[in-house]
C-alpha atoms as a PDB file:
ATOM      1  CA  MET A   1      -3.492   9.175  -2.777  1.00  0.00           C
ATOM      2  CA  ALA A   2      -0.036  10.779  -2.978  1.00  0.00           C
ATOM      3  CA  LEU A   3       1.589   7.334  -3.002  1.00  0.00           C
ATOM      4  CA  ILE A   4      -0.743   6.136  -5.759  1.00  0.00           C
ATOM      5  CA  ALA A   5       0.095   9.293  -7.730  1.00  0.00           C
ATOM      6  CA  GLY A   6       3.788   8.500  -7.218  1.00  0.00           C
ATOM      7  CA  ASP A   7       4.539  11.626  -5.207  1.00  0.00           C
ATOM      8  CA  ARG A   8       6.549  10.034  -2.399  1.00  0.00           C
ATOM      9  CA  GLY A   9       7.851  13.410  -1.201  1.00  0.00           C
ATOM     10  CA  ARG A  10       4.328  14.764  -0.737  1.00  0.00           C
ATOM     11  CA  ALA A  11       3.238  11.540   0.941  1.00  0.00           C
ATOM     12  CA  GLU A  12       6.184  11.767   3.318  1.00  0.00           C
ATOM     13  CA  GLU A  13       5.219  15.337   4.237  1.00  0.00           C
ATOM     14  CA  LEU A  14       1.578  14.417   4.789  1.00  0.00           C
ATOM     15  CA  LEU A  15       2.442  11.384   6.906  1.00  0.00           C
ATOM     16  CA  LYS A  16       4.705  13.459   9.161  1.00  0.00           C
ATOM     17  CA  PHE A  17       1.816  15.473  10.495  1.00  0.00           C
ATOM     18  CA  SER A  18      -0.885  12.844  10.438  1.00  0.00           C
ATOM     19  CA  LYS A  19      -2.309  11.677  13.697  1.00  0.00           C
ATOM     20  CA  THR A  20      -3.096   8.017  13.288  1.00  0.00           C
ATOM     21  CA  PHE A  21      -5.759   5.889  14.906  1.00  0.00           C
ATOM     22  CA  ARG A  22      -4.260   2.993  16.798  1.00  0.00           C
ATOM     23  CA  HIS A  23      -6.123   0.537  14.528  1.00  0.00           C
ATOM     24  CA  TYR A  24      -4.184   1.912  11.551  1.00  0.00           C
ATOM     25  CA  ALA A  25      -0.767   2.347  13.171  1.00  0.00           C
ATOM     26  CA  VAL A  26       0.814  -0.555  11.258  1.00  0.00           C
ATOM     27  CA  GLU A  27      -0.439   0.779   7.923  1.00  0.00           C
ATOM     28  CA  HIS A  28       0.741   4.282   8.830  1.00  0.00           C
ATOM     29  CA  LYS A  29       4.285   2.998   9.487  1.00  0.00           C
ATOM     30  CA  LEU A  30       4.205   1.075   6.216  1.00  0.00           C
ATOM     31  CA  TRP A  31       3.133   4.126   4.185  1.00  0.00           C
ATOM     32  CA  LYS A  32       5.892   6.150   5.833  1.00  0.00           C
ATOM     33  CA  LYS A  33       8.514   3.546   4.871  1.00  0.00           C
ATOM     34  CA  ILE A  34       7.341   3.447   1.261  1.00  0.00           C
ATOM     35  CA  ALA A  35       7.229   7.240   1.085  1.00  0.00           C
ATOM     36  CA  ALA A  36      10.763   7.493   2.472  1.00  0.00           C
ATOM     37  CA  THR A  37      12.280   5.201  -0.168  1.00  0.00           C
ATOM     38  CA  ARG A  38      14.223   6.998  -2.853  1.00  0.00           C
ATOM     39  CA  SER A  39      15.182   4.047  -5.019  1.00  0.00           C
ATOM     40  CA  GLY A  40      13.713   3.412  -8.438  1.00  0.00           C
ATOM     41  CA  LEU A  41      10.746   1.191  -9.081  1.00  0.00           C
ATOM     42  CA  PRO A  42      10.045  -1.562  -8.576  1.00  0.00           C
ATOM     43  CA  LEU A  43      11.321  -1.555  -5.009  1.00  0.00           C
ATOM     44  CA  LYS A  44      13.668  -4.474  -4.387  1.00  0.00           C
ATOM     45  CA  ASP A  45      13.327  -4.446  -0.599  1.00  0.00           C
ATOM     46  CA  HIS A  46      11.981  -7.924   0.090  1.00  0.00           C
ATOM     47  CA  SER A  47      11.466  -7.251   3.782  1.00  0.00           C
ATOM     48  CA  LEU A  48       9.319  -4.203   2.925  1.00  0.00           C
ATOM     49  CA  LEU A  49       7.289  -6.333   0.500  1.00  0.00           C
ATOM     50  CA  ALA A  50       6.813  -8.963   3.213  1.00  0.00           C
ATOM     51  CA  GLU A  51       5.671  -6.229   5.591  1.00  0.00           C
ATOM     52  CA  PHE A  52       3.283  -4.926   2.941  1.00  0.00           C
ATOM     53  CA  ASP A  53       1.850  -8.412   2.375  1.00  0.00           C
ATOM     54  CA  GLU A  54       1.321  -8.888   6.121  1.00  0.00           C
ATOM     55  CA  VAL A  55      -1.095  -5.957   5.947  1.00  0.00           C
ATOM     56  CA  PHE A  56      -2.576  -6.773   2.529  1.00  0.00           C
ATOM     57  CA  ASP A  57      -3.106 -10.541   2.877  1.00  0.00           C
ATOM     58  CA  PRO A  58      -5.813 -10.357   5.554  1.00  0.00           C
ATOM     59  CA  ILE A  59      -7.639  -7.560   3.702  1.00  0.00           C
ATOM     60  CA  ARG A  60      -7.710  -9.403   0.391  1.00  0.00           C
ATOM     61  CA  ASN A  61      -9.078 -12.545   2.037  1.00  0.00           C
ATOM     62  CA  PRO A  62     -12.700 -12.859   0.796  1.00  0.00           C
ATOM     63  CA  ASN A  63     -13.802 -13.671   4.368  1.00  0.00           C
ATOM     64  CA  PHE A  64     -12.118 -10.600   5.876  1.00  0.00           C
ATOM     65  CA  LYS A  65     -14.214  -8.890   8.558  1.00  0.00           C
ATOM     66  CA  PRO A  66     -12.694  -5.635   9.817  1.00  0.00           C
ATOM     67  CA  THR A  67     -12.782  -4.873  13.528  1.00  0.00           C
ATOM     68  CA  VAL A  68     -13.256  -1.149  12.844  1.00  0.00           C
ATOM     69  CA  PHE A  69     -15.098   0.743  10.122  1.00  0.00           C
ATOM     70  CA  MET A  70     -13.351   0.314   6.802  1.00  0.00           C
ATOM     71  CA  GLY A  71     -14.394   0.493   3.179  1.00  0.00           C
ATOM     72  CA  VAL A  72     -13.133  -3.020   2.486  1.00  0.00           C
ATOM     73  CA  ALA A  73     -13.549  -2.911  -1.309  1.00  0.00           C
ATOM     74  CA  MET A  74     -11.709   0.415  -1.523  1.00  0.00           C
ATOM     75  CA  ALA A  75      -8.979  -0.769   0.863  1.00  0.00           C
ATOM     76  CA  ARG A  76      -8.443  -3.865  -1.293  1.00  0.00           C
ATOM     77  CA  PHE A  77      -8.273  -1.750  -4.433  1.00  0.00           C
ATOM     78  CA  GLU A  78      -5.857   0.808  -2.958  1.00  0.00           C
ATOM     79  CA  MET A  79      -3.585  -1.873  -1.532  1.00  0.00           C
ATOM     80  CA  ALA A  80      -3.549  -3.793  -4.824  1.00  0.00           C
ATOM     81  CA  VAL A  81      -2.635  -0.651  -6.761  1.00  0.00           C
ATOM     82  CA  LEU A  82       0.106   0.288  -4.288  1.00  0.00           C
ATOM     83  CA  ARG A  83       1.541  -3.231  -4.295  1.00  0.00           C
ATOM     84  CA  TYR A  84       1.625  -3.341  -8.068  1.00  0.00           C
ATOM     85  CA  LYS A  85       3.017   0.197  -8.445  1.00  0.00           C
ATOM     86  CA  TYR A  86       5.813  -0.131  -5.903  1.00  0.00           C
ATOM     87  CA  PHE A  87       6.758  -3.813  -6.030  1.00  0.00           C
ATOM     88  CA  CYS A  88       5.821  -5.157  -9.473  1.00  0.00           C
ATOM     89  CA  SER A  89       5.754  -2.360 -12.028  1.00  0.00           C
ATOM     90  CA  LYS A  90       8.711  -1.049 -13.977  1.00  0.00           C
ATOM     91  CA  ALA A  91       8.957   2.721 -13.480  1.00  0.00           C
ATOM     92  CA  GLY A  92       5.681   2.894 -11.547  1.00  0.00           C
ATOM     93  CA  GLU A  93       3.213   2.405 -14.386  1.00  0.00           C
ATOM     94  CA  ILE A  94       0.013   0.756 -13.248  1.00  0.00           C
ATOM     95  CA  ASP A  95      -1.582  -2.041 -15.234  1.00  0.00           C
ATOM     96  CA  TRP A  96      -4.973  -1.761 -13.589  1.00  0.00           C
ATOM     97  CA  GLN A  97      -6.112  -5.267 -14.503  1.00  0.00           C
ATOM     98  CA  LYS A  98      -2.936  -6.881 -13.149  1.00  0.00           C
ATOM     99  CA  ALA A  99      -3.156  -4.768 -10.014  1.00  0.00           C
ATOM    100  CA  ILE A 100      -6.763  -5.745  -9.398  1.00  0.00           C
ATOM    101  CA  LYS A 101      -5.948  -9.440  -9.943  1.00  0.00           C
ATOM    102  CA  GLN A 102      -3.697  -9.236  -6.881  1.00  0.00           C
ATOM    103  CA  VAL A 103      -6.798  -8.891  -4.725  1.00  0.00           C
ATOM    104  CA  THR A 104      -7.826 -12.467  -5.544  1.00  0.00           C
ATOM    105  CA  ARG A 105      -4.320 -13.921  -5.535  1.00  0.00           C
END
């Protein structure tokens, strides 16, 4: 939620102390990297975007079946908003319709 709100400092603090489940370790590392960035938006780090898409692409697949409990619709929504906010948007504004369209890309 802190990343969606644009509070990268708060997100970084929260992620420092979070114990992560092994099923979410990749996502946890990704959130930490995004939180640690201090550059303006959109982020121009293409390797970070590729890393983000490696996590997002399977989740946005309509046939995605998680191996652990996950609110798939909410995960898709959160990931779409984060992708748009940090990699597409100028200054972090969220165009909700454009963000949501990324789910069905």
